[in-house]
Amino acid sequence: VGDRWALIAGRIPGRKAEEIERFWIMRHEEVFASKRR
């Protein structure tokens, strides 16, 4: 479905669309790669 965060969050109990989007950005952005490591 792409970046339809509300739709994705609706499939995961207890998660909000903002959390899902933030998780996706942090997981896939280079800025956060060094922080993850």
Full PDB file with SEQRES, HELIX, SHEET, SSBOND, CRYST1, ORIGX, SCALE, CONECT and MASTER records, all heavy atoms in Angstrom:
SEQRES   1 A   37  VAL GLY ASP ARG TRP ALA LEU ILE ALA GLY ARG ILE PRO          
SEQRES   2 A   37  GLY ARG LYS ALA GLU GLU ILE GLU ARG PHE TRP ILE MET          
SEQRES   3 A   37  ARG HIS GLU GLU VAL PHE ALA SER LYS ARG ARG                  
HELIX    1 AA1 TRP A    5  ALA A    9  1                                   5    
HELIX    2 AA2 ALA A   17  HIS A   28  1                                  12    
HELIX    3 AA3 GLU A   30  PHE A   32  5                                   3    
HELIX    4 AA4 ALA A   33  ARG A   36  1                                   4    
CRYST1    1.000    1.000    1.000  90.00  90.00  90.00 P 1           1          
ORIGX1      1.000000  0.000000  0.000000        0.00000                         
ORIGX2      0.000000  1.000000  0.000000        0.00000                         
ORIGX3      0.000000  0.000000  1.000000        0.00000                         
SCALE1      1.000000  0.000000  0.000000        0.00000                         
SCALE2      0.000000  1.000000  0.000000        0.00000                         
SCALE3      0.000000  0.000000  1.000000        0.00000                         
ATOM      1  N   VAL A   1       0.799  -1.236   0.000  1.00  0.00           N  
ATOM      2  CA  VAL A   1       0.000   0.000   0.000  1.00  0.00           C  
ATOM      3  C   VAL A   1       0.828   1.281   0.000  1.00  0.00           C  
ATOM      4  O   VAL A   1       0.266   2.369  -0.032  1.00  0.00           O  
ATOM      5  CB  VAL A   1      -0.979   0.022   1.194  1.00  0.00           C  
ATOM      6  CG1 VAL A   1      -1.934  -1.150   1.121  1.00  0.00           C  
ATOM      7  CG2 VAL A   1      -0.254   0.040   2.525  1.00  0.00           C  
ATOM      8  N   GLY A   2       2.147   1.160   0.090  1.00  0.00           N  
ATOM      9  CA  GLY A   2       2.984   2.362   0.102  1.00  0.00           C  
ATOM     10  C   GLY A   2       2.963   3.045   1.454  1.00  0.00           C  
ATOM     11  O   GLY A   2       2.814   2.392   2.480  1.00  0.00           O  
ATOM     12  N   ASP A   3       3.075   4.360   1.454  1.00  0.00           N  
ATOM     13  CA  ASP A   3       3.193   5.103   2.709  1.00  0.00           C  
ATOM     14  C   ASP A   3       1.841   5.507   3.297  1.00  0.00           C  
ATOM     15  O   ASP A   3       1.664   6.605   3.805  1.00  0.00           O  
ATOM     16  CB  ASP A   3       4.101   6.317   2.543  1.00  0.00           C  
ATOM     17  CG  ASP A   3       3.576   7.319   1.540  1.00  0.00           C  
ATOM     18  OD1 ASP A   3       2.555   7.022   0.886  1.00  0.00           O  
ATOM     19  OD2 ASP A   3       4.175   8.388   1.415  1.00  0.00           O  
ATOM     20  N   ARG A   4       0.904   4.609   3.277  1.00  0.00           N  
ATOM     21  CA  ARG A   4      -0.406   4.847   3.906  1.00  0.00           C  
ATOM     22  C   ARG A   4      -0.317   4.359   5.345  1.00  0.00           C  
ATOM     23  O   ARG A   4      -0.774   3.290   5.706  1.00  0.00           O  
ATOM     24  CB  ARG A   4      -1.496   4.142   3.113  1.00  0.00           C  
ATOM     25  CG  ARG A   4      -1.605   4.756   1.701  1.00  0.00           C  
ATOM     26  CD  ARG A   4      -2.588   4.058   0.848  1.00  0.00           C  
ATOM     27  NE  ARG A   4      -3.937   4.188   1.410  1.00  0.00           N  
ATOM     28  CZ  ARG A   4      -4.942   3.415   1.022  1.00  0.00           C  
ATOM     29  NH1 ARG A   4      -4.774   2.504   0.098  1.00  0.00           N  
ATOM     30  NH2 ARG A   4      -6.133   3.570   1.583  1.00  0.00           N  
ATOM     31  N   TRP A   5       0.316   5.185   6.186  1.00  0.00           N  
ATOM     32  CA  TRP A   5       0.688   4.799   7.544  1.00  0.00           C  
ATOM     33  C   TRP A   5      -0.524   4.464   8.410  1.00  0.00           C  
ATOM     34  O   TRP A   5      -0.456   3.556   9.238  1.00  0.00           O  
ATOM     35  CB  TRP A   5       1.534   5.896   8.180  1.00  0.00           C  
ATOM     36  CG  TRP A   5       2.698   6.270   7.335  1.00  0.00           C  
ATOM     37  CD1 TRP A   5       2.951   7.485   6.778  1.00  0.00           C  
ATOM     38  CD2 TRP A   5       3.786   5.421   6.913  1.00  0.00           C  
ATOM     39  NE1 TRP A   5       4.118   7.443   6.040  1.00  0.00           N  
ATOM     40  CE2 TRP A   5       4.644   6.188   6.108  1.00  0.00           C  
ATOM     41  CE3 TRP A   5       4.090   4.077   7.122  1.00  0.00           C  
ATOM     42  CZ2 TRP A   5       5.790   5.669   5.515  1.00  0.00           C  
ATOM     43  CZ3 TRP A   5       5.236   3.556   6.539  1.00  0.00           C  
ATOM     44  CH2 TRP A   5       6.067   4.355   5.744  1.00  0.00           C  
ATOM     45  N   ALA A   6      -1.613   5.162   8.240  1.00  0.00           N  
ATOM     46  CA  ALA A   6      -2.809   4.886   9.039  1.00  0.00           C  
ATOM     47  C   ALA A   6      -3.358   3.498   8.728  1.00  0.00           C  
ATOM     48  O   ALA A   6      -3.788   2.767   9.630  1.00  0.00           O  
ATOM     49  CB  ALA A   6      -3.869   5.950   8.799  1.00  0.00           C  
ATOM     50  N   LEU A   7      -3.326   3.130   7.476  1.00  0.00           N  
ATOM     51  CA  LEU A   7      -3.790   1.805   7.070  1.00  0.00           C  
ATOM     52  C   LEU A   7      -2.890   0.722   7.660  1.00  0.00           C  
ATOM     53  O   LEU A   7      -3.373  -0.286   8.183  1.00  0.00           O  
ATOM     54  CB  LEU A   7      -3.816   1.704   5.542  1.00  0.00           C  
ATOM     55  CG  LEU A   7      -4.359   0.415   4.963  1.00  0.00           C  
ATOM     56  CD1 LEU A   7      -5.826   0.257   5.300  1.00  0.00           C  
ATOM     57  CD2 LEU A   7      -4.162   0.405   3.453  1.00  0.00           C  
ATOM     58  N   ILE A   8      -1.593   0.935   7.609  1.00  0.00           N  
ATOM     59  CA  ILE A   8      -0.639  -0.024   8.172  1.00  0.00           C  
ATOM     60  C   ILE A   8      -0.813  -0.106   9.686  1.00  0.00           C  
ATOM     61  O   ILE A   8      -0.852  -1.205  10.251  1.00  0.00           O  
ATOM     62  CB  ILE A   8       0.808   0.355   7.791  1.00  0.00           C  
ATOM     63  CG1 ILE A   8       0.998   0.277   6.263  1.00  0.00           C  
ATOM     64  CG2 ILE A   8       1.809  -0.543   8.510  1.00  0.00           C  
ATOM     65  CD1 ILE A   8       2.293   0.847   5.758  1.00  0.00           C  
ATOM     66  N   ALA A   9      -0.932   1.040  10.340  1.00  0.00           N  
ATOM     67  CA  ALA A   9      -1.082   1.063  11.800  1.00  0.00           C  
ATOM     68  C   ALA A   9      -2.364   0.363  12.236  1.00  0.00           C  
ATOM     69  O   ALA A   9      -2.414  -0.227  13.320  1.00  0.00           O  
ATOM     70  CB  ALA A   9      -1.064   2.503  12.308  1.00  0.00           C  
ATOM     71  N   GLY A  10      -3.384   0.397  11.415  1.00  0.00           N  
ATOM     72  CA  GLY A  10      -4.630  -0.276  11.723  1.00  0.00           C  
ATOM     73  C   GLY A  10      -4.493  -1.777  11.816  1.00  0.00           C  
ATOM     74  O   GLY A  10      -5.316  -2.458  12.424  1.00  0.00           O  
ATOM     75  N   ARG A  11      -3.441  -2.320  11.238  1.00  0.00           N  
ATOM     76  CA  ARG A  11      -3.189  -3.767  11.267  1.00  0.00           C  
ATOM     77  C   ARG A  11      -2.313  -4.186  12.439  1.00  0.00           C  
ATOM     78  O   ARG A  11      -2.102  -5.363  12.667  1.00  0.00           O  
ATOM     79  CB  ARG A  11      -2.522  -4.233   9.964  1.00  0.00           C  
ATOM     80  CG  ARG A  11      -3.276  -3.906   8.711  1.00  0.00           C  
ATOM     81  CD  ARG A  11      -4.557  -4.721   8.620  1.00  0.00           C  
ATOM     82  NE  ARG A  11      -5.265  -4.479   7.390  1.00  0.00           N  
ATOM     83  CZ  ARG A  11      -6.302  -3.674   7.270  1.00  0.00           C  
ATOM     84  NH1 ARG A  11      -6.721  -2.988   8.300  1.00  0.00           N  
ATOM     85  NH2 ARG A  11      -6.931  -3.527   6.126  1.00  0.00           N  
ATOM     86  N   ILE A  12      -1.772  -3.202  13.160  1.00  0.00           N  
ATOM     87  CA  ILE A  12      -0.878  -3.502  14.279  1.00  0.00           C  
ATOM     88  C   ILE A  12      -1.492  -2.922  15.551  1.00  0.00           C  
ATOM     89  O   ILE A  12      -1.489  -1.702  15.738  1.00  0.00           O  
ATOM     90  CB  ILE A  12       0.530  -2.915  14.041  1.00  0.00           C  
ATOM     91  CG1 ILE A  12       1.106  -3.450  12.731  1.00  0.00           C  
ATOM     92  CG2 ILE A  12       1.448  -3.249  15.208  1.00  0.00           C  
ATOM     93  CD1 ILE A  12       2.407  -2.827  12.324  1.00  0.00           C  
ATOM     94  N   PRO A  13      -2.012  -3.772  16.423  1.00  0.00           N  
ATOM     95  CA  PRO A  13      -2.661  -3.276  17.646  1.00  0.00           C  
ATOM     96  C   PRO A  13      -1.713  -2.440  18.510  1.00  0.00           C  
ATOM     97  O   PRO A  13      -0.554  -2.791  18.714  1.00  0.00           O  
ATOM     98  CB  PRO A  13      -3.048  -4.557  18.388  1.00  0.00           C  
ATOM     99  CG  PRO A  13      -3.051  -5.625  17.352  1.00  0.00           C  
ATOM    100  CD  PRO A  13      -2.034  -5.225  16.325  1.00  0.00           C  
ATOM    101  N   GLY A  14      -2.220  -1.313  18.973  1.00  0.00           N  
ATOM    102  CA  GLY A  14      -1.462  -0.464  19.883  1.00  0.00           C  
ATOM    103  C   GLY A  14      -0.466   0.475  19.232  1.00  0.00           C  
ATOM    104  O   GLY A  14       0.262   1.187  19.916  1.00  0.00           O  
ATOM    105  N   ARG A  15      -0.419   0.499  17.919  1.00  0.00           N  
ATOM    106  CA  ARG A  15       0.517   1.399  17.216  1.00  0.00           C  
ATOM    107  C   ARG A  15      -0.250   2.491  16.490  1.00  0.00           C  
ATOM    108  O   ARG A  15      -1.321   2.273  15.951  1.00  0.00           O  
ATOM    109  CB  ARG A  15       1.363   0.623  16.198  1.00  0.00           C  
ATOM    110  CG  ARG A  15       2.253  -0.422  16.806  1.00  0.00           C  
ATOM    111  CD  ARG A  15       3.367   0.203  17.584  1.00  0.00           C  
ATOM    112  NE  ARG A  15       4.281  -0.834  18.076  1.00  0.00           N  
ATOM    113  CZ  ARG A  15       5.373  -0.578  18.728  1.00  0.00           C  
ATOM    114  NH1 ARG A  15       5.723   0.661  18.986  1.00  0.00           N  
ATOM    115  NH2 ARG A  15       6.143  -1.554  19.157  1.00  0.00           N  
ATOM    116  N   LYS A  16       0.334   3.689  16.475  1.00  0.00           N  
ATOM    117  CA  LYS A  16      -0.260   4.835  15.790  1.00  0.00           C  
ATOM    118  C   LYS A  16       0.440   5.025  14.450  1.00  0.00           C  
ATOM    119  O   LYS A  16       1.590   4.618  14.267  1.00  0.00           O  
ATOM    120  CB  LYS A  16      -0.097   6.103  16.625  1.00  0.00           C  
ATOM    121  CG  LYS A  16      -0.801   6.047  17.946  1.00  0.00           C  
ATOM    122  CD  LYS A  16      -0.540   7.314  18.728  1.00  0.00           C  
ATOM    123  CE  LYS A  16      -1.143   7.230  20.109  1.00  0.00           C  
ATOM    124  NZ  LYS A  16      -0.762   8.366  20.934  1.00  0.00           N  
ATOM    125  N   ALA A  17      -0.244   5.702  13.547  1.00  0.00           N  
ATOM    126  CA  ALA A  17       0.319   5.975  12.222  1.00  0.00           C  
ATOM    127  C   ALA A  17       1.630   6.746  12.332  1.00  0.00           C  
ATOM    128  O   ALA A  17       2.585   6.468  11.597  1.00  0.00           O  
ATOM    129  CB  ALA A  17      -0.688   6.746  11.372  1.00  0.00           C  
ATOM    130  N   GLU A  18       1.705   7.691  13.276  1.00  0.00           N  
ATOM    131  CA  GLU A  18       2.918   8.494  13.443  1.00  0.00           C  
ATOM    132  C   GLU A  18       4.094   7.614  13.869  1.00  0.00           C  
ATOM    133  O   GLU A  18       5.226   7.822  13.428  1.00  0.00           O  
ATOM    134  CB  GLU A  18       2.698   9.604  14.478  1.00  0.00           C  
ATOM    135  CG  GLU A  18       1.703  10.654  14.060  1.00  0.00           C  
ATOM    136  CD  GLU A  18       0.246  10.231  14.270  1.00  0.00           C  
ATOM    137  OE1 GLU A  18      -0.002   9.249  15.016  1.00  0.00           O  
ATOM    138  OE2 GLU A  18      -0.635  10.866  13.679  1.00  0.00           O  
ATOM    139  N   GLU A  19       3.827   6.635  14.730  1.00  0.00           N  
ATOM    140  CA  GLU A  19       4.888   5.726  15.173  1.00  0.00           C  
ATOM    141  C   GLU A  19       5.413   4.890  14.013  1.00  0.00           C  
ATOM    142  O   GLU A  19       6.615   4.705  13.871  1.00  0.00           O  
ATOM    143  CB  GLU A  19       4.363   4.746  16.233  1.00  0.00           C  
ATOM    144  CG  GLU A  19       4.213   5.299  17.607  1.00  0.00           C  
ATOM    145  CD  GLU A  19       3.715   4.233  18.552  1.00  0.00           C  
ATOM    146  OE1 GLU A  19       2.622   3.666  18.316  1.00  0.00           O  
ATOM    147  OE2 GLU A  19       4.442   3.948  19.523  1.00  0.00           O  
ATOM    148  N   ILE A  20       4.497   4.393  13.188  1.00  0.00           N  
ATOM    149  CA  ILE A  20       4.875   3.560  12.049  1.00  0.00           C  
ATOM    150  C   ILE A  20       5.705   4.367  11.064  1.00  0.00           C  
ATOM    151  O   ILE A  20       6.750   3.912  10.591  1.00  0.00           O  
ATOM    152  CB  ILE A  20       3.626   2.983  11.345  1.00  0.00           C  
ATOM    153  CG1 ILE A  20       2.753   2.192  12.314  1.00  0.00           C  
ATOM    154  CG2 ILE A  20       4.029   2.142  10.146  1.00  0.00           C  
ATOM    155  CD1 ILE A  20       3.383   0.980  12.933  1.00  0.00           C  
ATOM    156  N   GLU A  21       5.256   5.582  10.774  1.00  0.00           N  
ATOM    157  CA  GLU A  21       5.995   6.436   9.842  1.00  0.00           C  
ATOM    158  C   GLU A  21       7.383   6.770  10.387  1.00  0.00           C  
ATOM    159  O   GLU A  21       8.379   6.698   9.664  1.00  0.00           O  
ATOM    160  CB  GLU A  21       5.219   7.717   9.571  1.00  0.00           C  
ATOM    161  CG  GLU A  21       5.924   8.617   8.568  1.00  0.00           C  
ATOM    162  CD  GLU A  21       5.140   9.877   8.260  1.00  0.00           C  
ATOM    163  OE1 GLU A  21       4.164  10.183   8.985  1.00  0.00           O  
ATOM    164  OE2 GLU A  21       5.522  10.560   7.296  1.00  0.00           O  
ATOM    165  N   ARG A  22       7.444   7.124  11.670  1.00  0.00           N  
ATOM    166  CA  ARG A  22       8.734   7.458  12.281  1.00  0.00           C  
ATOM    167  C   ARG A  22       9.665   6.242  12.261  1.00  0.00           C  
ATOM    168  O   ARG A  22      10.845   6.350  11.954  1.00  0.00           O  
ATOM    169  CB  ARG A  22       8.518   7.940  13.710  1.00  0.00           C  
ATOM    170  CG  ARG A  22       9.753   8.501  14.326  1.00  0.00           C  
ATOM    171  CD  ARG A  22       9.512   9.211  15.621  1.00  0.00           C  
ATOM    172  NE  ARG A  22       8.251   8.898  16.268  1.00  0.00           N  
ATOM    173  CZ  ARG A  22       8.060   8.935  17.569  1.00  0.00           C  
ATOM    174  NH1 ARG A  22       9.021   9.270  18.370  1.00  0.00           N  
ATOM    175  NH2 ARG A  22       6.894   8.653  18.092  1.00  0.00           N  
ATOM    176  N   PHE A  23       9.118   5.068  12.574  1.00  0.00           N  
ATOM    177  CA  PHE A  23       9.909   3.838  12.528  1.00  0.00           C  
ATOM    178  C   PHE A  23      10.452   3.623  11.121  1.00  0.00           C  
ATOM    179  O   PHE A  23      11.634   3.313  10.938  1.00  0.00           O  
ATOM    180  CB  PHE A  23       9.051   2.639  12.943  1.00  0.00           C  
ATOM    181  CG  PHE A  23       9.713   1.323  12.689  1.00  0.00           C  
ATOM    182  CD1 PHE A  23      10.693   0.854  13.551  1.00  0.00           C  
ATOM    183  CD2 PHE A  23       9.375   0.564  11.587  1.00  0.00           C  
ATOM    184  CE1 PHE A  23      11.324  -0.352  13.310  1.00  0.00           C  
ATOM    185  CE2 PHE A  23       9.994  -0.637  11.339  1.00  0.00           C  
ATOM    186  CZ  PHE A  23      10.974  -1.101  12.200  1.00  0.00           C  
ATOM    187  N   TRP A  24       9.608   3.793  10.111  1.00  0.00           N  
ATOM    188  CA  TRP A  24      10.019   3.565   8.718  1.00  0.00           C  
ATOM    189  C   TRP A  24      11.130   4.541   8.316  1.00  0.00           C  
ATOM    190  O   TRP A  24      12.122   4.153   7.720  1.00  0.00           O  
ATOM    191  CB  TRP A  24       8.823   3.716   7.783  1.00  0.00           C  
ATOM    192  CG  TRP A  24       9.163   3.365   6.375  1.00  0.00           C  
ATOM    193  CD1 TRP A  24       9.493   4.226   5.383  1.00  0.00           C  
ATOM    194  CD2 TRP A  24       9.248   2.051   5.829  1.00  0.00           C  
ATOM    195  NE1 TRP A  24       9.773   3.539   4.244  1.00  0.00           N  
ATOM    196  CE2 TRP A  24       9.618   2.201   4.481  1.00  0.00           C  
ATOM    197  CE3 TRP A  24       9.041   0.780   6.339  1.00  0.00           C  
ATOM    198  CZ2 TRP A  24       9.791   1.110   3.645  1.00  0.00           C  
ATOM    199  CZ3 TRP A  24       9.207  -0.305   5.500  1.00  0.00           C  
ATOM    200  CH2 TRP A  24       9.584  -0.143   4.174  1.00  0.00           C  
ATOM    201  N   ILE A  25      10.952   5.792   8.651  1.00  0.00           N  
ATOM    202  CA  ILE A  25      11.948   6.809   8.313  1.00  0.00           C  
ATOM    203  C   ILE A  25      13.276   6.484   9.003  1.00  0.00           C  
ATOM    204  O   ILE A  25      14.333   6.520   8.378  1.00  0.00           O  
ATOM    205  CB  ILE A  25      11.459   8.214   8.708  1.00  0.00           C  
ATOM    206  CG1 ILE A  25      10.311   8.643   7.790  1.00  0.00           C  
ATOM    207  CG2 ILE A  25      12.597   9.232   8.650  1.00  0.00           C  
ATOM    208  CD1 ILE A  25       9.579   9.880   8.256  1.00  0.00           C  
ATOM    209  N   MET A  26      13.191   6.154  10.279  1.00  0.00           N  
ATOM    210  CA  MET A  26      14.423   5.892  11.030  1.00  0.00           C  
ATOM    211  C   MET A  26      15.105   4.623  10.551  1.00  0.00           C  
ATOM    212  O   MET A  26      16.317   4.504  10.619  1.00  0.00           O  
ATOM    213  CB  MET A  26      14.116   5.802  12.523  1.00  0.00           C  
ATOM    214  CG  MET A  26      13.685   7.147  13.094  1.00  0.00           C  
ATOM    215  SD  MET A  26      13.270   7.072  14.816  1.00  0.00           S  
ATOM    216  CE  MET A  26      14.895   7.182  15.521  1.00  0.00           C  
ATOM    217  N   ARG A  27      14.340   3.682  10.061  1.00  0.00           N  
ATOM    218  CA  ARG A  27      14.899   2.421   9.592  1.00  0.00           C  
ATOM    219  C   ARG A  27      15.544   2.558   8.215  1.00  0.00           C  
ATOM    220  O   ARG A  27      16.502   1.868   7.903  1.00  0.00           O  
ATOM    221  CB  ARG A  27      13.776   1.386   9.539  1.00  0.00           C  
ATOM    222  CG  ARG A  27      14.229   0.021   9.163  1.00  0.00           C  
ATOM    223  CD  ARG A  27      15.187  -0.485  10.178  1.00  0.00           C  
ATOM    224  NE  ARG A  27      14.708  -1.725  10.714  1.00  0.00           N  
ATOM    225  CZ  ARG A  27      15.378  -2.415  11.597  1.00  0.00           C  
ATOM    226  NH1 ARG A  27      16.519  -1.968  12.053  1.00  0.00           N  
ATOM    227  NH2 ARG A  27      14.921  -3.540  12.044  1.00  0.00           N  
ATOM    228  N   HIS A  28      15.033   3.466   7.403  1.00  0.00           N  
ATOM    229  CA  HIS A  28      15.469   3.549   6.015  1.00  0.00           C  
ATOM    230  C   HIS A  28      16.232   4.815   5.641  1.00  0.00           C  
ATOM    231  O   HIS A  28      16.614   4.970   4.491  1.00  0.00           O  
ATOM    232  CB  HIS A  28      14.261   3.371   5.094  1.00  0.00           C  
ATOM    233  CG  HIS A  28      13.685   2.000   5.185  1.00  0.00           C  
ATOM    234  ND1 HIS A  28      12.702   1.668   6.085  1.00  0.00           N  
ATOM    235  CD2 HIS A  28      13.995   0.864   4.523  1.00  0.00           C  
ATOM    236  CE1 HIS A  28      12.423   0.387   5.961  1.00  0.00           C  
ATOM    237  NE2 HIS A  28      13.184  -0.117   5.028  1.00  0.00           N  
ATOM    238  N   GLU A  29      16.463   5.702   6.567  1.00  0.00           N  
ATOM    239  CA  GLU A  29      17.213   6.931   6.269  1.00  0.00           C  
ATOM    240  C   GLU A  29      18.681   6.757   6.650  1.00  0.00           C  
ATOM    241  O   GLU A  29      18.999   6.184   7.685  1.00  0.00           O  
ATOM    242  CB  GLU A  29      16.628   8.124   7.040  1.00  0.00           C  
ATOM    243  CG  GLU A  29      15.259   8.546   6.578  1.00  0.00           C  
ATOM    244  CD  GLU A  29      15.270   9.251   5.236  1.00  0.00           C  
ATOM    245  OE1 GLU A  29      16.206   9.990   4.946  1.00  0.00           O  
ATOM    246  OE2 GLU A  29      14.297   9.049   4.492  1.00  0.00           O  
ATOM    247  N   GLU A  30      19.557   7.287   5.839  1.00  0.00           N  
ATOM    248  CA  GLU A  30      20.997   7.206   6.096  1.00  0.00           C  
ATOM    249  C   GLU A  30      21.405   7.988   7.340  1.00  0.00           C  
ATOM    250  O   GLU A  30      22.355   7.646   8.010  1.00  0.00           O  
ATOM    251  CB  GLU A  30      21.776   7.714   4.883  1.00  0.00           C  
ATOM    252  CG  GLU A  30      21.680   6.798   3.684  1.00  0.00           C  
ATOM    253  CD  GLU A  30      22.262   5.419   3.963  1.00  0.00           C  
ATOM    254  OE1 GLU A  30      23.318   5.318   4.606  1.00  0.00           O  
ATOM    255  OE2 GLU A  30      21.640   4.433   3.535  1.00  0.00           O  
ATOM    256  N   VAL A  31      20.660   9.026   7.651  1.00  0.00           N  
ATOM    257  CA  VAL A  31      20.978   9.868   8.810  1.00  0.00           C  
ATOM    258  C   VAL A  31      21.001   9.031  10.088  1.00  0.00           C  
ATOM    259  O   VAL A  31      21.818   9.246  10.969  1.00  0.00           O  
ATOM    260  CB  VAL A  31      19.934  11.002   8.951  1.00  0.00           C  
ATOM    261  CG1 VAL A  31      20.161  11.795  10.220  1.00  0.00           C  
ATOM    262  CG2 VAL A  31      19.958  11.902   7.738  1.00  0.00           C  
ATOM    263  N   PHE A  32      20.122   8.042  10.146  1.00  0.00           N  
ATOM    264  CA  PHE A  32      19.996   7.252  11.357  1.00  0.00           C  
ATOM    265  C   PHE A  32      20.857   5.988  11.348  1.00  0.00           C  
ATOM    266  O   PHE A  32      20.923   5.285  12.349  1.00  0.00           O  
ATOM    267  CB  PHE A  32      18.533   6.865  11.581  1.00  0.00           C  
ATOM    268  CG  PHE A  32      17.657   8.053  11.805  1.00  0.00           C  
ATOM    269  CD1 PHE A  32      16.842   8.530  10.806  1.00  0.00           C  
ATOM    270  CD2 PHE A  32      17.659   8.704  13.026  1.00  0.00           C  
ATOM    271  CE1 PHE A  32      16.041   9.635  11.005  1.00  0.00           C  
ATOM    272  CE2 PHE A  32      16.862   9.806  13.237  1.00  0.00           C  
ATOM    273  CZ  PHE A  32      16.050  10.280  12.223  1.00  0.00           C  
ATOM    274  N   ALA A  33      21.508   5.672  10.238  1.00  0.00           N  
ATOM    275  CA  ALA A  33      22.287   4.442  10.129  1.00  0.00           C  
ATOM    276  C   ALA A  33      23.396   4.382  11.175  1.00  0.00           C  
ATOM    277  O   ALA A  33      23.585   3.359  11.837  1.00  0.00           O  
ATOM    278  CB  ALA A  33      22.868   4.311   8.726  1.00  0.00           C  
ATOM    279  N   SER A  34      24.118   5.463  11.356  1.00  0.00           N  
ATOM    280  CA  SER A  34      25.207   5.469  12.339  1.00  0.00           C  
ATOM    281  C   SER A  34      24.662   5.353  13.760  1.00  0.00           C  
ATOM    282  O   SER A  34      25.243   4.674  14.609  1.00  0.00           O  
ATOM    283  CB  SER A  34      26.066   6.720  12.199  1.00  0.00           C  
ATOM    284  OG  SER A  34      25.297   7.869  12.444  1.00  0.00           O  
ATOM    285  N   LYS A  35      23.522   5.984  14.022  1.00  0.00           N  
ATOM    286  CA  LYS A  35      22.917   5.884  15.356  1.00  0.00           C  
ATOM    287  C   LYS A  35      22.454   4.457  15.634  1.00  0.00           C  
ATOM    288  O   LYS A  35      22.578   3.977  16.755  1.00  0.00           O  
ATOM    289  CB  LYS A  35      21.747   6.852  15.492  1.00  0.00           C  
ATOM    290  CG  LYS A  35      22.174   8.284  15.648  1.00  0.00           C  
ATOM    291  CD  LYS A  35      21.023   9.137  16.074  1.00  0.00           C  
ATOM    292  CE  LYS A  35      21.528  10.538  16.367  1.00  0.00           C  
ATOM    293  NZ  LYS A  35      20.598  11.309  17.147  1.00  0.00           N  
ATOM    294  N   ARG A  36      21.919   3.768  14.612  1.00  0.00           N  
ATOM    295  CA  ARG A  36      21.501   2.378  14.782  1.00  0.00           C  
ATOM    296  C   ARG A  36      22.688   1.493  15.110  1.00  0.00           C  
ATOM    297  O   ARG A  36      22.634   0.663  16.014  1.00  0.00           O  
ATOM    298  CB  ARG A  36      20.830   1.862  13.505  1.00  0.00           C  
ATOM    299  CG  ARG A  36      19.349   2.038  13.463  1.00  0.00           C  
ATOM    300  CD  ARG A  36      18.705   1.189  12.396  1.00  0.00           C  
ATOM    301  NE  ARG A  36      19.350   1.185  11.105  1.00  0.00           N  
ATOM    302  CZ  ARG A  36      19.117   2.048  10.138  1.00  0.00           C  
ATOM    303  NH1 ARG A  36      18.259   3.018  10.316  1.00  0.00           N  
ATOM    304  NH2 ARG A  36      19.740   1.950   8.981  1.00  0.00           N  
ATOM    305  N   ARG A  37      23.794   1.684  14.381  1.00  0.00           N  
ATOM    306  CA  ARG A  37      25.001   0.881  14.634  1.00  0.00           C  
ATOM    307  C   ARG A  37      25.524   1.138  16.043  1.00  0.00           C  
ATOM    308  O   ARG A  37      25.893   0.206  16.756  1.00  0.00           O  
ATOM    309  CB  ARG A  37      26.067   1.211  13.593  1.00  0.00           C  
ATOM    310  CG  ARG A  37      25.809   0.585  12.249  1.00  0.00           C  
ATOM    311  CD  ARG A  37      27.016   0.749  11.342  1.00  0.00           C  
ATOM    312  NE  ARG A  37      27.241   2.133  10.973  1.00  0.00           N  
ATOM    313  CZ  ARG A  37      26.771   2.724   9.884  1.00  0.00           C  
ATOM    314  NH1 ARG A  37      26.029   2.032   9.036  1.00  0.00           N  
ATOM    315  NH2 ARG A  37      27.030   3.979   9.630  1.00  0.00           N  
TER     316      ARG A  37                                                      
MASTER        0    0    0    4    0    0    0    6  315    1    0    3          
END                                                                             
